[in-house]
Amino acid sequence: MVITAVFDESTAAANYYPSPFTFDQPITANISYTGLDLSNVDVSAISFVYLPPNAAAVVPVEYDQLIIDKAAGLIQVVNAKIHHFSKYGFVDDPQD
């Protein structure tokens, strides 16, 4: 199987293909972005989420750790539990 990830550096999100593709067991993903401008972001509100197509709300993703270094412009999720290939990313308010 060929697995493709298309990253959107302006939104810190990525689409994973083939989509939809569901796993029998969740896989773990470690994803990081560097060089981000986090100067106007409330980093305490950042979460890693599944971004459903045409949905009004995002879906939180279970993960072990979220590492944020505002000065370095780094956001990293450690051991995110991915159940299917889709669009995933970081948001600064998962309720929006």
C-alpha atoms as a PDB file:
ATOM      1  CA  MET A   1       0.000   0.000   0.000  1.00  0.00           C
ATOM      2  CA  VAL A   2       1.191   3.516  -0.772  1.00  0.00           C
ATOM      3  CA  ILE A   3       0.566   5.948   2.082  1.00  0.00           C
ATOM      4  CA  THR A   4       0.571   9.665   1.329  1.00  0.00           C
ATOM      5  CA  ALA A   5       0.532  12.631   3.682  1.00  0.00           C
ATOM      6  CA  VAL A   6      -0.202  16.107   2.360  1.00  0.00           C
ATOM      7  CA  PHE A   7       0.789  18.778   4.872  1.00  0.00           C
ATOM      8  CA  ASP A   8      -0.706  22.261   5.056  1.00  0.00           C
ATOM      9  CA  GLU A   9       1.928  24.335   6.819  1.00  0.00           C
ATOM     10  CA  SER A  10      -0.335  27.400   7.009  1.00  0.00           C
ATOM     11  CA  THR A  11      -2.881  25.559   9.188  1.00  0.00           C
ATOM     12  CA  ALA A  12      -0.716  22.854  10.844  1.00  0.00           C
ATOM     13  CA  ALA A  13      -2.985  20.156   9.427  1.00  0.00           C
ATOM     14  CA  ALA A  14      -2.425  17.138   7.200  1.00  0.00           C
ATOM     15  CA  ASN A  15      -4.517  14.874   4.997  1.00  0.00           C
ATOM     16  CA  TYR A  16      -3.554  11.200   5.025  1.00  0.00           C
ATOM     17  CA  TYR A  17      -4.375   8.931   2.102  1.00  0.00           C
ATOM     18  CA  PRO A  18      -5.813   6.547   1.069  1.00  0.00           C
ATOM     19  CA  SER A  19      -8.903   8.038   2.635  1.00  0.00           C
ATOM     20  CA  PRO A  20     -11.157   6.720   3.912  1.00  0.00           C
ATOM     21  CA  PHE A  21      -9.096   3.832   5.224  1.00  0.00           C
ATOM     22  CA  THR A  22      -9.921   2.401   8.647  1.00  0.00           C
ATOM     23  CA  PHE A  23      -7.495   0.322  10.717  1.00  0.00           C
ATOM     24  CA  ASP A  24      -8.443  -2.829  12.634  1.00  0.00           C
ATOM     25  CA  GLN A  25      -6.441  -1.430  15.564  1.00  0.00           C
ATOM     26  CA  PRO A  26      -5.516   2.235  15.998  1.00  0.00           C
ATOM     27  CA  ILE A  27      -2.016   3.199  14.931  1.00  0.00           C
ATOM     28  CA  THR A  28       0.096   5.744  16.784  1.00  0.00           C
ATOM     29  CA  ALA A  29       1.371   8.893  15.137  1.00  0.00           C
ATOM     30  CA  ASN A  30       4.027  11.363  16.221  1.00  0.00           C
ATOM     31  CA  ILE A  31       3.615  14.624  14.318  1.00  0.00           C
ATOM     32  CA  SER A  32       5.474  17.893  14.721  1.00  0.00           C
ATOM     33  CA  TYR A  33       5.548  21.280  13.064  1.00  0.00           C
ATOM     34  CA  THR A  34       8.336  23.802  13.573  1.00  0.00           C
ATOM     35  CA  GLY A  35       8.776  27.402  12.548  1.00  0.00           C
ATOM     36  CA  LEU A  36       5.178  28.356  13.388  1.00  0.00           C
ATOM     37  CA  ASP A  37       4.229  31.862  14.481  1.00  0.00           C
ATOM     38  CA  LEU A  38       2.562  31.163  17.832  1.00  0.00           C
ATOM     39  CA  SER A  39       2.870  34.729  19.121  1.00  0.00           C
ATOM     40  CA  ASN A  40      -0.909  35.362  19.123  1.00  0.00           C
ATOM     41  CA  VAL A  41      -1.964  31.839  20.091  1.00  0.00           C
ATOM     42  CA  ASP A  42      -3.171  30.748  23.518  1.00  0.00           C
ATOM     43  CA  VAL A  43      -1.048  27.603  23.693  1.00  0.00           C
ATOM     44  CA  SER A  44      -2.989  26.339  26.724  1.00  0.00           C
ATOM     45  CA  ALA A  45      -6.006  25.892  24.418  1.00  0.00           C
ATOM     46  CA  ILE A  46      -4.229  23.906  21.667  1.00  0.00           C
ATOM     47  CA  SER A  47      -5.403  20.368  20.984  1.00  0.00           C
ATOM     48  CA  PHE A  48      -4.800  17.715  18.314  1.00  0.00           C
ATOM     49  CA  VAL A  49      -7.998  16.753  16.474  1.00  0.00           C
ATOM     50  CA  TYR A  50      -9.606  14.929  13.586  1.00  0.00           C
ATOM     51  CA  LEU A  51     -11.057  17.461  11.129  1.00  0.00           C
ATOM     52  CA  PRO A  52     -14.092  15.795   9.505  1.00  0.00           C
ATOM     53  CA  PRO A  53     -15.054  16.982   6.030  1.00  0.00           C
ATOM     54  CA  ASN A  54     -18.038  19.327   5.996  1.00  0.00           C
ATOM     55  CA  ALA A  55     -18.509  19.002   9.747  1.00  0.00           C
ATOM     56  CA  ALA A  56     -19.356  21.814  12.116  1.00  0.00           C
ATOM     57  CA  ALA A  57     -17.175  20.455  14.934  1.00  0.00           C
ATOM     58  CA  VAL A  58     -13.771  18.854  15.275  1.00  0.00           C
ATOM     59  CA  VAL A  59     -13.251  15.505  17.013  1.00  0.00           C
ATOM     60  CA  PRO A  60     -10.604  15.254  19.764  1.00  0.00           C
ATOM     61  CA  VAL A  61      -7.921  12.605  19.267  1.00  0.00           C
ATOM     62  CA  GLU A  62      -6.477  10.650  22.186  1.00  0.00           C
ATOM     63  CA  TYR A  63      -2.723  11.185  22.603  1.00  0.00           C
ATOM     64  CA  ASP A  64      -0.043  10.757  25.262  1.00  0.00           C
ATOM     65  CA  GLN A  65       1.539  14.192  25.162  1.00  0.00           C
ATOM     66  CA  LEU A  66       1.333  17.554  23.449  1.00  0.00           C
ATOM     67  CA  ILE A  67       4.621  19.466  23.335  1.00  0.00           C
ATOM     68  CA  ILE A  68       4.491  23.181  22.601  1.00  0.00           C
ATOM     69  CA  ASP A  69       7.477  25.513  22.541  1.00  0.00           C
ATOM     70  CA  LYS A  70       6.077  28.948  21.739  1.00  0.00           C
ATOM     71  CA  ALA A  71       9.514  30.593  21.416  1.00  0.00           C
ATOM     72  CA  ALA A  72      10.712  27.949  18.945  1.00  0.00           C
ATOM     73  CA  GLY A  73       7.387  27.785  17.084  1.00  0.00           C
ATOM     74  CA  LEU A  74       7.086  24.045  17.783  1.00  0.00           C
ATOM     75  CA  ILE A  75       3.923  21.975  18.145  1.00  0.00           C
ATOM     76  CA  GLN A  76       4.224  18.202  18.525  1.00  0.00           C
ATOM     77  CA  VAL A  77       1.797  15.424  19.370  1.00  0.00           C
ATOM     78  CA  VAL A  78       3.186  12.180  20.809  1.00  0.00           C
ATOM     79  CA  ASN A  79       1.468   8.814  20.326  1.00  0.00           C
ATOM     80  CA  ALA A  80      -1.770  10.110  18.829  1.00  0.00           C
ATOM     81  CA  LYS A  81      -4.251   7.245  18.373  1.00  0.00           C
ATOM     82  CA  ILE A  82      -5.288   7.297  14.700  1.00  0.00           C
ATOM     83  CA  HIS A  83      -8.242   5.079  13.771  1.00  0.00           C
ATOM     84  CA  HIS A  84      -8.402   5.999  10.085  1.00  0.00           C
ATOM     85  CA  PHE A  85      -6.690   8.073   7.428  1.00  0.00           C
ATOM     86  CA  SER A  86      -8.323  11.476   7.164  1.00  0.00           C
ATOM     87  CA  LYS A  87      -7.479  15.089   7.959  1.00  0.00           C
ATOM     88  CA  TYR A  88      -5.847  15.770  11.335  1.00  0.00           C
ATOM     89  CA  GLY A  89      -4.402  18.926  12.821  1.00  0.00           C
ATOM     90  CA  PHE A  90      -3.848  21.269  15.704  1.00  0.00           C
ATOM     91  CA  VAL A  91      -6.508  23.773  16.760  1.00  0.00           C
ATOM     92  CA  ASP A  92      -6.354  26.448  19.411  1.00  0.00           C
ATOM     93  CA  ASP A  93      -9.936  25.892  20.566  1.00  0.00           C
ATOM     94  CA  PRO A  94     -11.460  22.463  19.887  1.00  0.00           C
ATOM     95  CA  GLN A  95     -14.949  23.859  20.588  1.00  0.00           C
ATOM     96  CA  ASP A  96     -14.824  26.224  17.562  1.00  0.00           C
END
